[in-house]
Amino acid sequence: MEKEIQQTAEQLKAGKTILYPTDTIWGIGCDATNSSAVKKIYEIKKRADNKSLIILLDDINKLNLYVVKVPDIAWQIVEYAEGPLTVIYPKGKNIAPELMGEDGSIAIRITKDVFCKKLIYKLGRPLVSTSANISGEDFKGSFSDVSEEIKKSSRIKIFISMFIISCALR
């Protein structure tokens, strides 16, 4: 799995998008600091660009890098959450502006998934996470449920086999 993570991190740093298993569903992702990569995700999903996306972090201690002021209560909520929890923070920073709401807010989840944590750590930046579907369609919980249109997207097809292998290794 380490080789796949290294290769994927390099591709993400080069502005590529990925199809990958998250701690909740299959997702489409990219480097959350790269505006052109974020725009590719909107194109893949056929999603209106005024709908923000969430980002994943690997460590709660990195919140201050991407949130202007983390509310005190948020630290406790995130630290003690047992399952996946996405929190919307009032003002984001150091990420692609397309990821923020019109009011500057940003949605962040601290992932507990080992694969995602390792990938984000190797990338050294937050990872965009959005469901692997065309906007408005049902979320896809397993790879076999992801539409052929998404799987065959010229933007992400080069990563699929890598993630099938990674998923099998977990």
Protein backbone atom coordinates (compact mmCIF):
# COMPACT_ATOMS: atom_id res chain seq x y z
CA MET A 1 0.00 0.00 0.00
CA GLU A 2 2.91 2.40 0.66
CA LYS A 3 3.97 2.39 -3.00
CA GLU A 4 0.42 3.21 -4.14
CA ILE A 5 0.19 6.01 -1.59
CA GLN A 6 3.50 7.51 -2.75
CA GLN A 7 2.50 7.32 -6.43
CA THR A 8 -0.92 8.78 -5.73
CA ALA A 9 0.49 11.65 -3.66
CA GLU A 10 2.82 12.50 -6.55
CA GLN A 11 -0.12 12.52 -8.98
CA LEU A 12 -2.17 14.71 -6.62
CA LYS A 13 0.73 17.17 -6.34
CA ALA A 14 0.74 17.29 -10.16
CA GLY A 15 -2.90 18.42 -10.16
CA LYS A 16 -4.56 15.07 -10.92
CA THR A 17 -7.88 13.89 -9.49
CA ILE A 18 -8.51 10.49 -7.92
CA LEU A 19 -11.28 7.97 -7.32
CA TYR A 20 -10.73 6.52 -3.85
CA PRO A 21 -12.32 4.83 -0.84
CA THR A 22 -12.97 7.23 2.04
CA ASP A 23 -14.11 6.57 5.59
CA THR A 24 -17.72 6.93 4.43
CA ILE A 25 -18.19 6.29 0.68
CA TRP A 26 -16.24 6.12 -2.57
CA GLY A 27 -15.06 9.61 -3.38
CA ILE A 28 -13.47 11.81 -5.96
CA GLY A 29 -10.59 13.88 -4.63
CA CYS A 30 -7.71 16.19 -5.36
CA ASP A 31 -5.24 18.49 -3.65
CA ALA A 32 -7.46 20.96 -1.79
CA THR A 33 -4.98 23.79 -2.39
CA ASN A 34 -5.01 23.44 -6.19
CA SER A 35 -7.79 25.49 -7.82
CA SER A 36 -7.46 23.92 -11.25
CA ALA A 37 -7.72 20.41 -9.78
CA VAL A 38 -10.80 21.45 -7.79
CA LYS A 39 -12.39 22.79 -10.98
CA LYS A 40 -11.81 19.39 -12.62
CA ILE A 41 -13.88 17.75 -9.88
CA TYR A 42 -16.77 20.14 -10.52
CA GLU A 43 -16.56 19.19 -14.22
CA ILE A 44 -16.47 15.45 -13.50
CA LYS A 45 -19.49 15.66 -11.20
CA LYS A 46 -21.35 18.17 -13.39
CA ARG A 47 -21.82 20.10 -10.17
CA ALA A 48 -22.67 23.79 -9.86
CA ASP A 49 -19.59 25.65 -8.69
CA ASN A 50 -21.54 27.52 -6.02
CA LYS A 51 -21.93 24.25 -4.07
CA SER A 52 -18.89 23.85 -1.85
CA LEU A 53 -17.03 20.59 -1.25
CA ILE A 54 -15.52 19.15 1.92
CA ILE A 55 -11.89 18.53 2.69
CA LEU A 56 -10.26 15.78 4.69
CA LEU A 57 -7.41 16.27 7.12
CA ASP A 58 -5.34 13.55 8.74
CA ASP A 59 -4.82 15.27 12.09
CA ILE A 60 -6.93 17.53 14.31
CA ASN A 61 -3.82 19.62 15.01
CA LYS A 62 -3.82 20.81 11.39
CA LEU A 63 -7.19 22.59 11.70
CA ASN A 64 -5.49 25.91 12.48
CA LEU A 65 -3.68 25.73 9.13
CA TYR A 66 -6.99 25.82 7.22
CA VAL A 67 -9.43 27.58 9.56
CA VAL A 68 -9.03 31.25 10.54
CA LYS A 69 -10.42 30.68 14.07
CA VAL A 70 -11.48 27.27 15.29
CA PRO A 71 -14.35 27.71 17.77
CA ASP A 72 -13.44 26.27 21.18
CA ILE A 73 -16.37 23.84 21.17
CA ALA A 74 -15.29 22.43 17.80
CA TRP A 75 -12.07 21.02 19.28
CA GLN A 76 -14.04 18.91 21.75
CA ILE A 77 -16.68 17.83 19.25
CA VAL A 78 -14.08 16.67 16.73
CA GLU A 79 -11.83 15.03 19.30
CA TYR A 80 -14.59 12.92 20.83
CA ALA A 81 -16.56 12.05 17.70
CA GLU A 82 -16.76 8.30 17.33
CA GLY A 83 -17.81 8.17 13.69
CA PRO A 84 -17.09 10.31 10.65
CA LEU A 85 -17.99 13.93 11.43
CA THR A 86 -17.86 16.89 9.07
CA VAL A 87 -17.83 20.30 10.74
CA ILE A 88 -18.51 23.56 8.92
CA TYR A 89 -16.10 26.23 10.15
CA PRO A 90 -16.92 29.94 9.77
CA LYS A 91 -13.85 31.00 7.77
CA GLY A 92 -11.37 28.91 5.80
CA LYS A 93 -7.86 29.79 4.67
CA ASN A 94 -4.96 28.32 2.67
CA ILE A 95 -7.21 26.26 0.39
CA ALA A 96 -8.63 26.68 -3.09
CA PRO A 97 -11.33 29.37 -2.89
CA GLU A 98 -13.74 27.15 -4.86
CA LEU A 99 -14.00 24.90 -1.80
CA MET A 100 -15.40 27.58 0.45
CA GLY A 101 -19.01 28.61 0.79
CA GLU A 102 -20.09 32.04 -0.41
CA ASP A 103 -19.66 33.24 3.18
CA GLY A 104 -16.08 31.90 3.36
CA SER A 105 -17.00 28.84 5.42
CA ILE A 106 -15.28 25.50 4.94
CA ALA A 107 -16.41 21.93 5.66
CA ILE A 108 -13.70 19.72 7.17
CA ARG A 109 -13.64 16.13 8.36
CA ILE A 110 -10.72 14.63 10.27
CA THR A 111 -10.54 11.19 8.70
CA LYS A 112 -9.98 8.10 10.78
CA ASP A 113 -9.50 5.88 7.73
CA VAL A 114 -5.92 4.54 7.68
CA PHE A 115 -5.55 4.74 3.90
CA CYS A 116 -6.83 8.34 3.76
CA LYS A 117 -4.69 9.42 6.72
CA LYS A 118 -1.55 8.04 5.11
CA LEU A 119 -2.35 9.60 1.75
CA ILE A 120 -3.04 13.04 3.26
CA TYR A 121 0.12 12.83 5.35
CA LYS A 122 2.21 11.95 2.28
CA LEU A 123 0.51 14.69 0.23
CA GLY A 124 1.20 17.23 2.97
CA ARG A 125 -2.04 19.06 2.17
CA PRO A 126 -5.75 18.50 2.69
CA LEU A 127 -7.62 16.26 0.29
CA VAL A 128 -10.93 17.12 -1.34
CA SER A 129 -13.61 14.53 -0.67
CA THR A 130 -16.86 14.41 -2.58
CA SER A 131 -19.07 11.48 -3.45
CA ALA A 132 -18.16 9.53 -6.58
CA ASN A 133 -21.32 10.35 -8.48
CA ILE A 134 -22.78 12.85 -10.88
CA SER A 135 -24.31 15.70 -8.88
CA GLY A 136 -27.84 14.83 -7.83
CA GLU A 137 -27.42 11.06 -8.12
CA ASP A 138 -27.31 8.67 -5.15
CA PHE A 139 -24.08 8.31 -3.16
CA LYS A 140 -22.00 5.25 -3.93
CA GLY A 141 -20.85 3.14 -0.99
CA SER A 142 -18.95 0.53 -2.97
CA PHE A 143 -16.75 0.62 -6.02
CA SER A 144 -19.10 -1.62 -8.00
CA ASP A 145 -21.88 0.96 -7.53
CA VAL A 146 -19.85 3.84 -8.99
CA SER A 147 -21.22 4.73 -12.45
CA GLU A 148 -19.26 3.86 -15.55
CA GLU A 149 -19.33 7.54 -16.48
CA ILE A 150 -17.33 8.37 -13.35
CA LYS A 151 -15.03 5.34 -13.66
CA LYS A 152 -14.25 6.14 -17.28
CA SER A 153 -13.72 9.85 -16.78
CA SER A 154 -10.50 10.82 -18.52
CA ARG A 155 -9.63 12.80 -15.42
CA ILE A 156 -9.52 9.84 -13.03
CA LYS A 157 -9.38 6.48 -14.79
CA ILE A 158 -5.62 6.11 -14.38
CA PHE A 159 -6.02 5.75 -10.61
CA ILE A 160 -8.78 3.18 -10.35
CA SER A 161 -6.69 0.01 -10.39
CA MET A 162 -4.33 1.48 -7.82
CA PHE A 163 -7.19 2.04 -5.39
CA ILE A 164 -8.76 -1.37 -5.95
CA ILE A 165 -5.42 -2.85 -4.90
CA SER A 166 -5.18 -0.49 -1.93
CA CYS A 167 -8.70 -1.28 -0.83
CA ALA A 168 -7.98 -5.01 -0.95
CA LEU A 169 -4.89 -4.53 1.23
CA ARG A 170 -6.77 -2.80 4.05
